[in-house]
Amino acid sequence: MNTTLIAAVTLAVIAVSTTQASAVSPAVKRACMGDYFSYCSSHAPGSPGVKRCMRRNGSKLSRTCVNALVKAGYVSKRKVRRRAAKLGR
């Protein structure tokens, strides 16, 4: 369930962040920095490439990163649950 939650949050955050003009919050940057360097550092921060990369690696994201994404309001818990259900996990 945790991997599913992480993947669902990541997909939802990517979808939301590509439609918003605002930058990623400082709290999310801090919480997700390790994930960025582990999986997506070949892409510029905030770029479409990094968003695609984070989506592809969603199931690997840390709990800290996922929690920060939810807390920052980039995605709701409800949306995460719906996405997880849609993925059959």
C-alpha atoms as a PDB file:
ATOM      1  CA  MET A   1       0.000   0.000   0.000  1.00  0.00           C
ATOM      2  CA  ASN A   2       2.850   2.435   0.779  1.00  0.00           C
ATOM      3  CA  THR A   3       4.377   2.024  -2.681  1.00  0.00           C
ATOM      4  CA  THR A   4       0.970   2.540  -4.229  1.00  0.00           C
ATOM      5  CA  LEU A   5       0.391   5.653  -2.163  1.00  0.00           C
ATOM      6  CA  ILE A   6       3.756   7.063  -3.163  1.00  0.00           C
ATOM      7  CA  ALA A   7       3.171   6.373  -6.852  1.00  0.00           C
ATOM      8  CA  ALA A   8      -0.300   7.846  -6.739  1.00  0.00           C
ATOM      9  CA  VAL A   9       0.850  10.975  -4.930  1.00  0.00           C
ATOM     10  CA  THR A  10       3.658  11.476  -7.387  1.00  0.00           C
ATOM     11  CA  LEU A  11       1.395  11.154 -10.386  1.00  0.00           C
ATOM     12  CA  ALA A  12      -1.135  13.533  -8.912  1.00  0.00           C
ATOM     13  CA  VAL A  13       1.512  16.073  -7.930  1.00  0.00           C
ATOM     14  CA  ILE A  14       2.994  16.031 -11.386  1.00  0.00           C
ATOM     15  CA  ALA A  15      -0.429  16.601 -12.901  1.00  0.00           C
ATOM     16  CA  VAL A  16      -1.187  19.454 -10.527  1.00  0.00           C
ATOM     17  CA  SER A  17       2.225  21.078 -10.763  1.00  0.00           C
ATOM     18  CA  THR A  18       2.193  21.167 -14.547  1.00  0.00           C
ATOM     19  CA  THR A  19      -1.029  23.167 -14.452  1.00  0.00           C
ATOM     20  CA  GLN A  20       0.107  25.627 -11.791  1.00  0.00           C
ATOM     21  CA  ALA A  21       2.350  28.606 -12.469  1.00  0.00           C
ATOM     22  CA  SER A  22       3.684  28.678  -8.903  1.00  0.00           C
ATOM     23  CA  ALA A  23       6.986  27.123  -7.930  1.00  0.00           C
ATOM     24  CA  VAL A  24       7.390  24.144  -5.633  1.00  0.00           C
ATOM     25  CA  SER A  25       7.292  25.158  -1.970  1.00  0.00           C
ATOM     26  CA  PRO A  26      10.528  25.311   0.040  1.00  0.00           C
ATOM     27  CA  ALA A  27       9.260  22.543   2.349  1.00  0.00           C
ATOM     28  CA  VAL A  28       8.703  20.206  -0.602  1.00  0.00           C
ATOM     29  CA  LYS A  29      12.108  21.086  -2.027  1.00  0.00           C
ATOM     30  CA  ARG A  30      13.765  20.174   1.282  1.00  0.00           C
ATOM     31  CA  ALA A  31      11.771  16.978   1.733  1.00  0.00           C
ATOM     32  CA  CYS A  32      12.245  15.777  -1.845  1.00  0.00           C
ATOM     33  CA  MET A  33      15.837  16.901  -2.420  1.00  0.00           C
ATOM     34  CA  GLY A  34      17.294  13.452  -1.786  1.00  0.00           C
ATOM     35  CA  ASP A  35      14.805  11.858  -4.164  1.00  0.00           C
ATOM     36  CA  TYR A  36      15.640  14.442  -6.808  1.00  0.00           C
ATOM     37  CA  PHE A  37      19.382  13.750  -6.529  1.00  0.00           C
ATOM     38  CA  SER A  38      18.849   9.996  -6.426  1.00  0.00           C
ATOM     39  CA  TYR A  39      16.626   9.761  -9.491  1.00  0.00           C
ATOM     40  CA  CYS A  40      16.326  12.963 -11.472  1.00  0.00           C
ATOM     41  CA  SER A  41      19.362  15.222 -11.085  1.00  0.00           C
ATOM     42  CA  SER A  42      20.081  15.065 -14.815  1.00  0.00           C
ATOM     43  CA  HIS A  43      17.037  17.331 -15.260  1.00  0.00           C
ATOM     44  CA  ALA A  44      16.752  20.999 -14.281  1.00  0.00           C
ATOM     45  CA  PRO A  45      14.719  21.533 -11.084  1.00  0.00           C
ATOM     46  CA  GLY A  46      11.117  22.405 -11.878  1.00  0.00           C
ATOM     47  CA  SER A  47      11.485  21.443 -15.524  1.00  0.00           C
ATOM     48  CA  PRO A  48       9.071  19.221 -17.431  1.00  0.00           C
ATOM     49  CA  GLY A  49      11.867  16.641 -17.574  1.00  0.00           C
ATOM     50  CA  VAL A  50      12.232  16.430 -13.810  1.00  0.00           C
ATOM     51  CA  LYS A  51       8.467  16.150 -13.435  1.00  0.00           C
ATOM     52  CA  ARG A  52       8.391  13.239 -15.877  1.00  0.00           C
ATOM     53  CA  CYS A  53      11.352  11.651 -14.113  1.00  0.00           C
ATOM     54  CA  MET A  54       9.733  11.945 -10.697  1.00  0.00           C
ATOM     55  CA  ARG A  55       6.560  10.427 -12.135  1.00  0.00           C
ATOM     56  CA  ARG A  56       8.533   7.467 -13.536  1.00  0.00           C
ATOM     57  CA  ASN A  57      10.231   6.968 -10.173  1.00  0.00           C
ATOM     58  CA  GLY A  58       7.154   7.613  -8.054  1.00  0.00           C
ATOM     59  CA  SER A  59       7.147   4.257  -6.349  1.00  0.00           C
ATOM     60  CA  LYS A  60      10.688   4.934  -5.097  1.00  0.00           C
ATOM     61  CA  LEU A  61      10.037   8.326  -3.492  1.00  0.00           C
ATOM     62  CA  SER A  62      10.635   8.642   0.214  1.00  0.00           C
ATOM     63  CA  ARG A  63       7.795   8.839   2.680  1.00  0.00           C
ATOM     64  CA  THR A  64       9.136  12.255   3.748  1.00  0.00           C
ATOM     65  CA  CYS A  65       8.769  13.577   0.221  1.00  0.00           C
ATOM     66  CA  VAL A  66       5.282  12.154  -0.231  1.00  0.00           C
ATOM     67  CA  ASN A  67       4.123  13.532   3.113  1.00  0.00           C
ATOM     68  CA  ALA A  68       5.482  16.978   2.226  1.00  0.00           C
ATOM     69  CA  LEU A  69       3.674  16.903  -1.115  1.00  0.00           C
ATOM     70  CA  VAL A  70       0.392  16.092   0.605  1.00  0.00           C
ATOM     71  CA  LYS A  71       0.946  18.620   3.409  1.00  0.00           C
ATOM     72  CA  ALA A  72       1.793  21.373   0.911  1.00  0.00           C
ATOM     73  CA  GLY A  73      -1.497  20.773  -0.818  1.00  0.00           C
ATOM     74  CA  TYR A  74      -0.031  19.693  -4.131  1.00  0.00           C
ATOM     75  CA  VAL A  75      -2.326  16.705  -3.892  1.00  0.00           C
ATOM     76  CA  SER A  76      -5.096  15.634  -1.532  1.00  0.00           C
ATOM     77  CA  LYS A  77      -5.185  12.354   0.320  1.00  0.00           C
ATOM     78  CA  ARG A  78      -8.526  11.675  -1.321  1.00  0.00           C
ATOM     79  CA  LYS A  79      -7.054  12.098  -4.771  1.00  0.00           C
ATOM     80  CA  VAL A  80      -4.171   9.825  -3.823  1.00  0.00           C
ATOM     81  CA  ARG A  81      -6.586   7.114  -2.717  1.00  0.00           C
ATOM     82  CA  ARG A  82      -8.636   7.423  -5.905  1.00  0.00           C
ATOM     83  CA  ARG A  83      -5.518   7.205  -8.060  1.00  0.00           C
ATOM     84  CA  ALA A  84      -4.280   4.179  -6.136  1.00  0.00           C
ATOM     85  CA  ALA A  85      -7.635   2.477  -6.601  1.00  0.00           C
ATOM     86  CA  LYS A  86      -7.548   3.249 -10.316  1.00  0.00           C
ATOM     87  CA  LEU A  87      -4.130   1.626 -10.547  1.00  0.00           C
ATOM     88  CA  GLY A  88      -5.551  -1.444  -8.807  1.00  0.00           C
ATOM     89  CA  ARG A  89      -3.231  -1.280  -5.829  1.00  0.00           C
END
